[in-house]
Amino acid sequence: MNNNLNFQFGMYEPATDSVIINTGENTILVFRCQECNSSVIFDDPNDIVYLYRLAEDSPLTYAKLALKENGLQDYVDAMNELN
């Protein structure tokens, strides 16, 4: 993983269930949410809503967490602690 990626713009694309990131270097990264989310273990299956809300509301944060080992899992675990 390149920690120097510069994410310029990101959006959630519901038609493909993907987060699309423009790195500003003529490169676009596509994060397929179903694939990324499949690595997360949920205490309650409904907790997947945390990840979809994150993808929709903050696609850049979603992408950065998806690139980190256990990033999405840690996010869901933290949301469970808060709620």
PDB file of N, CA and C in Angstrom:
ATOM      1  N   MET A   1       0.840  -1.188   0.000  1.00  0.00           N
ATOM      2  CA  MET A   1       0.000   0.000   0.000  1.00  0.00           C
ATOM      3  C   MET A   1       0.878   1.242   0.000  1.00  0.00           C
ATOM      4  N   ASN A   2       0.493   2.195  -0.778  1.00  0.00           N
ATOM      5  CA  ASN A   2       1.212   3.452  -0.863  1.00  0.00           C
ATOM      6  C   ASN A   2       0.568   4.450   0.091  1.00  0.00           C
ATOM      7  N   ASN A   3       1.280   4.816   1.140  1.00  0.00           N
ATOM      8  CA  ASN A   3       0.734   5.754   2.128  1.00  0.00           C
ATOM      9  C   ASN A   3       0.740   7.186   1.621  1.00  0.00           C
ATOM     10  N   ASN A   4       1.318   7.408   0.442  1.00  0.00           N
ATOM     11  CA  ASN A   4       1.404   8.752  -0.101  1.00  0.00           C
ATOM     12  C   ASN A   4       0.296   9.051  -1.105  1.00  0.00           C
ATOM     13  N   LEU A   5      -0.713   8.202  -1.180  1.00  0.00           N
ATOM     14  CA  LEU A   5      -1.814   8.468  -2.093  1.00  0.00           C
ATOM     15  C   LEU A   5      -2.498   9.765  -1.702  1.00  0.00           C
ATOM     16  N   ASN A   6      -2.778  10.577  -2.696  1.00  0.00           N
ATOM     17  CA  ASN A   6      -3.432  11.858  -2.464  1.00  0.00           C
ATOM     18  C   ASN A   6      -4.842  11.774  -3.025  1.00  0.00           C
ATOM     19  N   PHE A   7      -5.815  11.560  -2.149  1.00  0.00           N
ATOM     20  CA  PHE A   7      -7.194  11.432  -2.592  1.00  0.00           C
ATOM     21  C   PHE A   7      -7.781  12.815  -2.808  1.00  0.00           C
ATOM     22  N   GLN A   8      -8.082  13.134  -4.081  1.00  0.00           N
ATOM     23  CA  GLN A   8      -8.613  14.446  -4.430  1.00  0.00           C
ATOM     24  C   GLN A   8     -10.129  14.515  -4.288  1.00  0.00           C
ATOM     25  N   PHE A   9     -10.796  13.475  -4.730  1.00  0.00           N
ATOM     26  CA  PHE A   9     -12.249  13.496  -4.786  1.00  0.00           C
ATOM     27  C   PHE A   9     -12.765  12.075  -4.667  1.00  0.00           C
ATOM     28  N   GLY A  10     -13.873  11.908  -3.964  1.00  0.00           N
ATOM     29  CA  GLY A  10     -14.460  10.587  -3.849  1.00  0.00           C
ATOM     30  C   GLY A  10     -15.970  10.661  -3.831  1.00  0.00           C
ATOM     31  N   MET A  11     -16.590   9.585  -4.321  1.00  0.00           N
ATOM     32  CA  MET A  11     -18.048   9.533  -4.289  1.00  0.00           C
ATOM     33  C   MET A  11     -18.501   8.087  -4.191  1.00  0.00           C
ATOM     34  N   TYR A  12     -19.683   7.910  -3.631  1.00  0.00           N
ATOM     35  CA  TYR A  12     -20.307   6.591  -3.582  1.00  0.00           C
ATOM     36  C   TYR A  12     -21.203   6.461  -4.802  1.00  0.00           C
ATOM     37  N   GLU A  13     -21.066   5.356  -5.515  1.00  0.00           N
ATOM     38  CA  GLU A  13     -21.880   5.092  -6.698  1.00  0.00           C
ATOM     39  C   GLU A  13     -22.834   3.951  -6.379  1.00  0.00           C
ATOM     40  N   PRO A  14     -24.116   4.273  -6.079  1.00  0.00           N
ATOM     41  CA  PRO A  14     -25.056   3.231  -5.666  1.00  0.00           C
ATOM     42  C   PRO A  14     -25.330   2.186  -6.753  1.00  0.00           C
ATOM     43  N   ALA A  15     -25.279   2.561  -8.012  1.00  0.00           N
ATOM     44  CA  ALA A  15     -25.591   1.610  -9.085  1.00  0.00           C
ATOM     45  C   ALA A  15     -24.622   0.429  -9.102  1.00  0.00           C
ATOM     46  N   THR A  16     -23.372   0.692  -8.723  1.00  0.00           N
ATOM     47  CA  THR A  16     -22.369  -0.380  -8.698  1.00  0.00           C
ATOM     48  C   THR A  16     -21.955  -0.745  -7.277  1.00  0.00           C
ATOM     49  N   ASP A  17     -22.562  -0.085  -6.284  1.00  0.00           N
ATOM     50  CA  ASP A  17     -22.211  -0.297  -4.883  1.00  0.00           C
ATOM     51  C   ASP A  17     -20.700  -0.161  -4.695  1.00  0.00           C
ATOM     52  N   SER A  18     -20.169   0.971  -5.196  1.00  0.00           N
ATOM     53  CA  SER A  18     -18.729   1.199  -5.167  1.00  0.00           C
ATOM     54  C   SER A  18     -18.412   2.610  -4.688  1.00  0.00           C
ATOM     55  N   VAL A  19     -17.229   2.736  -4.093  1.00  0.00           N
ATOM     56  CA  VAL A  19     -16.672   4.041  -3.788  1.00  0.00           C
ATOM     57  C   VAL A  19     -15.613   4.300  -4.855  1.00  0.00           C
ATOM     58  N   ILE A  20     -15.727   5.442  -5.520  1.00  0.00           N
ATOM     59  CA  ILE A  20     -14.814   5.796  -6.594  1.00  0.00           C
ATOM     60  C   ILE A  20     -13.992   6.994  -6.136  1.00  0.00           C
ATOM     61  N   ILE A  21     -12.672   6.843  -6.209  1.00  0.00           N
ATOM     62  CA  ILE A  21     -11.753   7.869  -5.722  1.00  0.00           C
ATOM     63  C   ILE A  21     -10.870   8.342  -6.861  1.00  0.00           C
ATOM     64  N   ASN A  22     -10.756   9.651  -7.014  1.00  0.00           N
ATOM     65  CA  ASN A  22      -9.818  10.242  -7.964  1.00  0.00           C
ATOM     66  C   ASN A  22      -8.587  10.650  -7.164  1.00  0.00           C
ATOM     67  N   THR A  23      -7.429  10.113  -7.528  1.00  0.00           N
ATOM     68  CA  THR A  23      -6.203  10.433  -6.795  1.00  0.00           C
ATOM     69  C   THR A  23      -5.513  11.677  -7.326  1.00  0.00           C
ATOM     70  N   GLY A  24      -6.049  12.261  -8.402  1.00  0.00           N
ATOM     71  CA  GLY A  24      -5.457  13.472  -8.941  1.00  0.00           C
ATOM     72  C   GLY A  24      -4.242  13.204  -9.804  1.00  0.00           C
ATOM     73  N   GLU A  25      -3.909  11.958 -10.048  1.00  0.00           N
ATOM     74  CA  GLU A  25      -2.737  11.599 -10.852  1.00  0.00           C
ATOM     75  C   GLU A  25      -3.180  10.771 -12.055  1.00  0.00           C
ATOM     76  N   ASN A  26      -4.304  11.161 -12.651  1.00  0.00           N
ATOM     77  CA  ASN A  26      -4.893  10.402 -13.752  1.00  0.00           C
ATOM     78  C   ASN A  26      -5.170   8.953 -13.352  1.00  0.00           C
ATOM     79  N   THR A  27      -5.442   8.763 -12.085  1.00  0.00           N
ATOM     80  CA  THR A  27      -5.728   7.428 -11.564  1.00  0.00           C
ATOM     81  C   THR A  27      -7.026   7.465 -10.785  1.00  0.00           C
ATOM     82  N   ILE A  28      -7.849   6.466 -11.025  1.00  0.00           N
ATOM     83  CA  ILE A  28      -9.094   6.318 -10.275  1.00  0.00           C
ATOM     84  C   ILE A  28      -9.048   4.970  -9.572  1.00  0.00           C
ATOM     85  N   LEU A  29      -9.359   4.975  -8.298  1.00  0.00           N
ATOM     86  CA  LEU A  29      -9.445   3.745  -7.516  1.00  0.00           C
ATOM     87  C   LEU A  29     -10.912   3.408  -7.316  1.00  0.00           C
ATOM     88  N   VAL A  30     -11.247   2.142  -7.451  1.00  0.00           N
ATOM     89  CA  VAL A  30     -12.628   1.700  -7.240  1.00  0.00           C
ATOM     90  C   VAL A  30     -12.633   0.683  -6.118  1.00  0.00           C
ATOM     91  N   PHE A  31     -13.415   0.966  -5.096  1.00  0.00           N
ATOM     92  CA  PHE A  31     -13.579   0.067  -3.953  1.00  0.00           C
ATOM     93  C   PHE A  31     -14.969  -0.540  -4.046  1.00  0.00           C
ATOM     94  N   ARG A  32     -15.052  -1.803  -4.304  1.00  0.00           N
ATOM     95  CA  ARG A  32     -16.341  -2.492  -4.371  1.00  0.00           C
ATOM     96  C   ARG A  32     -16.762  -2.803  -2.939  1.00  0.00           C
ATOM     97  N   CYS A  33     -17.804  -2.121  -2.492  1.00  0.00           N
ATOM     98  CA  CYS A  33     -18.211  -2.185  -1.088  1.00  0.00           C
ATOM     99  C   CYS A  33     -18.546  -3.611  -0.651  1.00  0.00           C
ATOM    100  N   GLN A  34     -19.226  -4.364  -1.494  1.00  0.00           N
ATOM    101  CA  GLN A  34     -19.590  -5.722  -1.098  1.00  0.00           C
ATOM    102  C   GLN A  34     -18.339  -6.545  -0.789  1.00  0.00           C
ATOM    103  N   GLU A  35     -17.308  -6.396  -1.600  1.00  0.00           N
ATOM    104  CA  GLU A  35     -16.066  -7.128  -1.371  1.00  0.00           C
ATOM    105  C   GLU A  35     -15.343  -6.628  -0.122  1.00  0.00           C
ATOM    106  N   CYS A  36     -15.248  -5.318   0.019  1.00  0.00           N
ATOM    107  CA  CYS A  36     -14.567  -4.743   1.189  1.00  0.00           C
ATOM    108  C   CYS A  36     -15.297  -5.106   2.475  1.00  0.00           C
ATOM    109  N   ASN A  37     -16.627  -5.008   2.443  1.00  0.00           N
ATOM    110  CA  ASN A  37     -17.427  -5.270   3.639  1.00  0.00           C
ATOM    111  C   ASN A  37     -17.438  -6.741   4.013  1.00  0.00           C
ATOM    112  N   SER A  38     -17.163  -7.618   3.051  1.00  0.00           N
ATOM    113  CA  SER A  38     -17.230  -9.063   3.322  1.00  0.00           C
ATOM    114  C   SER A  38     -16.151  -9.517   4.297  1.00  0.00           C
ATOM    115  N   SER A  39     -15.123  -8.706   4.487  1.00  0.00           N
ATOM    116  CA  SER A  39     -14.060  -9.083   5.428  1.00  0.00           C
ATOM    117  C   SER A  39     -14.383  -8.673   6.868  1.00  0.00           C
ATOM    118  N   VAL A  40     -15.478  -7.968   7.072  1.00  0.00           N
ATOM    119  CA  VAL A  40     -15.848  -7.465   8.395  1.00  0.00           C
ATOM    120  C   VAL A  40     -16.773  -8.469   9.084  1.00  0.00           C
ATOM    121  N   ILE A  41     -16.497  -8.716  10.348  1.00  0.00           N
ATOM    122  CA  ILE A  41     -17.351  -9.582  11.174  1.00  0.00           C
ATOM    123  C   ILE A  41     -18.273  -8.677  11.988  1.00  0.00           C
ATOM    124  N   PHE A  42     -19.573  -8.891  11.833  1.00  0.00           N
ATOM    125  CA  PHE A  42     -20.563  -8.042  12.499  1.00  0.00           C
ATOM    126  C   PHE A  42     -21.152  -8.763  13.694  1.00  0.00           C
ATOM    127  N   ASP A  43     -21.272  -8.054  14.832  1.00  0.00           N
ATOM    128  CA  ASP A  43     -21.963  -8.596  16.002  1.00  0.00           C
ATOM    129  C   ASP A  43     -23.430  -8.808  15.672  1.00  0.00           C
ATOM    130  N   ASP A  44     -23.990  -7.881  14.931  1.00  0.00           N
ATOM    131  CA  ASP A  44     -25.379  -7.918  14.488  1.00  0.00           C
ATOM    132  C   ASP A  44     -25.354  -7.653  12.985  1.00  0.00           C
ATOM    133  N   PRO A  45     -25.998  -8.479  12.173  1.00  0.00           N
ATOM    134  CA  PRO A  45     -25.967  -8.270  10.719  1.00  0.00           C
ATOM    135  C   PRO A  45     -26.419  -6.870  10.290  1.00  0.00           C
ATOM    136  N   ASN A  46     -27.257  -6.244  11.081  1.00  0.00           N
ATOM    137  CA  ASN A  46     -27.718  -4.894  10.747  1.00  0.00           C
ATOM    138  C   ASN A  46     -26.610  -3.845  10.873  1.00  0.00           C
ATOM    139  N   ASP A  47     -25.508  -4.205  11.526  1.00  0.00           N
ATOM    140  CA  ASP A  47     -24.401  -3.257  11.691  1.00  0.00           C
ATOM    141  C   ASP A  47     -23.744  -2.880  10.364  1.00  0.00           C
ATOM    142  N   ILE A  48     -24.057  -3.595   9.310  1.00  0.00           N
ATOM    143  CA  ILE A  48     -23.501  -3.241   7.997  1.00  0.00           C
ATOM    144  C   ILE A  48     -23.918  -1.831   7.590  1.00  0.00           C
ATOM    145  N   VAL A  49     -25.000  -1.348   8.170  1.00  0.00           N
ATOM    146  CA  VAL A  49     -25.450   0.012   7.856  1.00  0.00           C
ATOM    147  C   VAL A  49     -24.375   1.040   8.194  1.00  0.00           C
ATOM    148  N   TYR A  50     -23.533   0.763   9.188  1.00  0.00           N
ATOM    149  CA  TYR A  50     -22.442   1.695   9.522  1.00  0.00           C
ATOM    150  C   TYR A  50     -21.535   1.900   8.311  1.00  0.00           C
ATOM    151  N   LEU A  51     -21.227   0.816   7.616  1.00  0.00           N
ATOM    152  CA  LEU A  51     -20.315   0.915   6.473  1.00  0.00           C
ATOM    153  C   LEU A  51     -20.974   1.582   5.282  1.00  0.00           C
ATOM    154  N   TYR A  52     -22.257   1.297   5.054  1.00  0.00           N
ATOM    155  CA  TYR A  52     -22.927   1.952   3.929  1.00  0.00           C
ATOM    156  C   TYR A  52     -23.112   3.439   4.184  1.00  0.00           C
ATOM    157  N   ARG A  53     -23.399   3.808   5.410  1.00  0.00           N
ATOM    158  CA  ARG A  53     -23.530   5.230   5.730  1.00  0.00           C
ATOM    159  C   ARG A  53     -22.179   5.924   5.562  1.00  0.00           C
ATOM    160  N   LEU A  54     -21.105   5.257   5.988  1.00  0.00           N
ATOM    161  CA  LEU A  54     -19.771   5.828   5.830  1.00  0.00           C
ATOM    162  C   LEU A  54     -19.438   5.997   4.345  1.00  0.00           C
ATOM    163  N   ALA A  55     -19.719   4.978   3.538  1.00  0.00           N
ATOM    164  CA  ALA A  55     -19.433   5.046   2.099  1.00  0.00           C
ATOM    165  C   ALA A  55     -20.199   6.187   1.437  1.00  0.00           C
ATOM    166  N   GLU A  56     -21.449   6.361   1.820  1.00  0.00           N
ATOM    167  CA  GLU A  56     -22.275   7.408   1.218  1.00  0.00           C
ATOM    168  C   GLU A  56     -21.889   8.800   1.712  1.00  0.00           C
ATOM    169  N   ASP A  57     -21.693   8.944   3.020  1.00  0.00           N
ATOM    170  CA  ASP A  57     -21.461  10.258   3.616  1.00  0.00           C
ATOM    171  C   ASP A  57     -20.004  10.706   3.567  1.00  0.00           C
ATOM    172  N   SER A  58     -19.077   9.748   3.599  1.00  0.00           N
ATOM    173  CA  SER A  58     -17.659  10.088   3.648  1.00  0.00           C
ATOM    174  C   SER A  58     -16.841   9.077   2.850  1.00  0.00           C
ATOM    175  N   PRO A  59     -16.990   9.095   1.519  1.00  0.00           N
ATOM    176  CA  PRO A  59     -16.316   8.091   0.700  1.00  0.00           C
ATOM    177  C   PRO A  59     -14.795   8.104   0.824  1.00  0.00           C
ATOM    178  N   LEU A  60     -14.201   9.266   1.054  1.00  0.00           N
ATOM    179  CA  LEU A  60     -12.741   9.309   1.209  1.00  0.00           C
ATOM    180  C   LEU A  60     -12.304   8.569   2.469  1.00  0.00           C
ATOM    181  N   THR A  61     -13.037   8.746   3.553  1.00  0.00           N
ATOM    182  CA  THR A  61     -12.725   8.039   4.792  1.00  0.00           C
ATOM    183  C   THR A  61     -12.932   6.542   4.610  1.00  0.00           C
ATOM    184  N   TYR A  62     -14.010   6.160   3.935  1.00  0.00           N
ATOM    185  CA  TYR A  62     -14.257   4.743   3.661  1.00  0.00           C
ATOM    186  C   TYR A  62     -13.057   4.139   2.927  1.00  0.00           C
ATOM    187  N   ALA A  63     -12.605   4.813   1.879  1.00  0.00           N
ATOM    188  CA  ALA A  63     -11.491   4.300   1.081  1.00  0.00           C
ATOM    189  C   ALA A  63     -10.215   4.189   1.910  1.00  0.00           C
ATOM    190  N   LYS A  64      -9.929   5.196   2.713  1.00  0.00           N
ATOM    191  CA  LYS A  64      -8.720   5.152   3.536  1.00  0.00           C
ATOM    192  C   LYS A  64      -8.778   4.008   4.537  1.00  0.00           C
ATOM    193  N   LEU A  65      -9.950   3.784   5.134  1.00  0.00           N
ATOM    194  CA  LEU A  65     -10.093   2.671   6.078  1.00  0.00           C
ATOM    195  C   LEU A  65     -10.009   1.323   5.358  1.00  0.00           C
ATOM    196  N   ALA A  66     -10.562   1.249   4.147  1.00  0.00           N
ATOM    197  CA  ALA A  66     -10.514   0.002   3.386  1.00  0.00           C
ATOM    198  C   ALA A  66      -9.076  -0.379   3.032  1.00  0.00           C
ATOM    199  N   LEU A  67      -8.207   0.608   2.894  1.00  0.00           N
ATOM    200  CA  LEU A  67      -6.805   0.343   2.574  1.00  0.00           C
ATOM    201  C   LEU A  67      -5.983  -0.089   3.781  1.00  0.00           C
ATOM    202  N   LYS A  68      -6.486   0.197   4.982  1.00  0.00           N
ATOM    203  CA  LYS A  68      -5.760  -0.178   6.202  1.00  0.00           C
ATOM    204  C   LYS A  68      -6.157  -1.581   6.637  1.00  0.00           C
ATOM    205  N   GLU A  69      -5.191  -2.323   7.120  1.00  0.00           N
ATOM    206  CA  GLU A  69      -5.499  -3.640   7.657  1.00  0.00           C
ATOM    207  C   GLU A  69      -6.453  -3.479   8.840  1.00  0.00           C
ATOM    208  N   ASN A  70      -7.570  -4.154   8.797  1.00  0.00           N
ATOM    209  CA  ASN A  70      -8.609  -4.096   9.831  1.00  0.00           C
ATOM    210  C   ASN A  70      -9.268  -2.721   9.970  1.00  0.00           C
ATOM    211  N   GLY A  71      -9.074  -1.847   9.007  1.00  0.00           N
ATOM    212  CA  GLY A  71      -9.625  -0.491   9.113  1.00  0.00           C
ATOM    213  C   GLY A  71     -11.138  -0.470   9.201  1.00  0.00           C
ATOM    214  N   LEU A  72     -11.809  -1.193   8.320  1.00  0.00           N
ATOM    215  CA  LEU A  72     -13.276  -1.211   8.351  1.00  0.00           C
ATOM    216  C   LEU A  72     -13.786  -1.958   9.574  1.00  0.00           C
ATOM    217  N   GLN A  73     -13.104  -3.034   9.954  1.00  0.00           N
ATOM    218  CA  GLN A  73     -13.490  -3.779  11.157  1.00  0.00           C
ATOM    219  C   GLN A  73     -13.361  -2.894  12.393  1.00  0.00           C
ATOM    220  N   ASP A  74     -12.260  -2.172  12.496  1.00  0.00           N
ATOM    221  CA  ASP A  74     -12.061  -1.277  13.637  1.00  0.00           C
ATOM    222  C   ASP A  74     -13.134  -0.190  13.673  1.00  0.00           C
ATOM    223  N   TYR A  75     -13.536   0.304  12.508  1.00  0.00           N
ATOM    224  CA  TYR A  75     -14.577   1.329  12.444  1.00  0.00           C
ATOM    225  C   TYR A  75     -15.906   0.781  12.971  1.00  0.00           C
ATOM    226  N   VAL A  76     -16.283  -0.404  12.501  1.00  0.00           N
ATOM    227  CA  VAL A  76     -17.550  -1.007  12.950  1.00  0.00           C
ATOM    228  C   VAL A  76     -17.492  -1.294  14.456  1.00  0.00           C
ATOM    229  N   ASP A  77     -16.373  -1.800  14.925  1.00  0.00           N
ATOM    230  CA  ASP A  77     -16.227  -2.073  16.358  1.00  0.00           C
ATOM    231  C   ASP A  77     -16.365  -0.787  17.170  1.00  0.00           C
ATOM    232  N   ALA A  78     -15.765   0.304  16.675  1.00  0.00           N
ATOM    233  CA  ALA A  78     -15.862   1.592  17.379  1.00  0.00           C
ATOM    234  C   ALA A  78     -17.294   2.103  17.384  1.00  0.00           C
ATOM    235  N   MET A  79     -17.996   1.951  16.269  1.00  0.00           N
ATOM    236  CA  MET A  79     -19.382   2.395  16.211  1.00  0.00           C
ATOM    237  C   MET A  79     -20.247   1.588  17.185  1.00  0.00           C
ATOM    238  N   ASN A  80     -19.963   0.306  17.316  1.00  0.00           N
ATOM    239  CA  ASN A  80     -20.696  -0.507  18.281  1.00  0.00           C
ATOM    240  C   ASN A  80     -20.443  -0.052  19.716  1.00  0.00           C
ATOM    241  N   GLU A  81     -19.226   0.353  19.996  1.00  0.00           N
ATOM    242  CA  GLU A  81     -18.900   0.860  21.342  1.00  0.00           C
ATOM    243  C   GLU A  81     -19.659   2.133  21.640  1.00  0.00           C
ATOM    244  N   LEU A  82     -19.801   2.991  20.618  1.00  0.00           N
ATOM    245  CA  LEU A  82     -20.477   4.277  20.814  1.00  0.00           C
ATOM    246  C   LEU A  82     -21.983   4.127  20.942  1.00  0.00           C
ATOM    247  N   ASN A  83     -22.535   3.098  20.334  1.00  0.00           N
ATOM    248  CA  ASN A  83     -24.002   2.942  20.309  1.00  0.00           C
ATOM    249  C   ASN A  83     -24.492   1.862  21.197  1.00  0.00           C
TER     250      ASN A  83
END
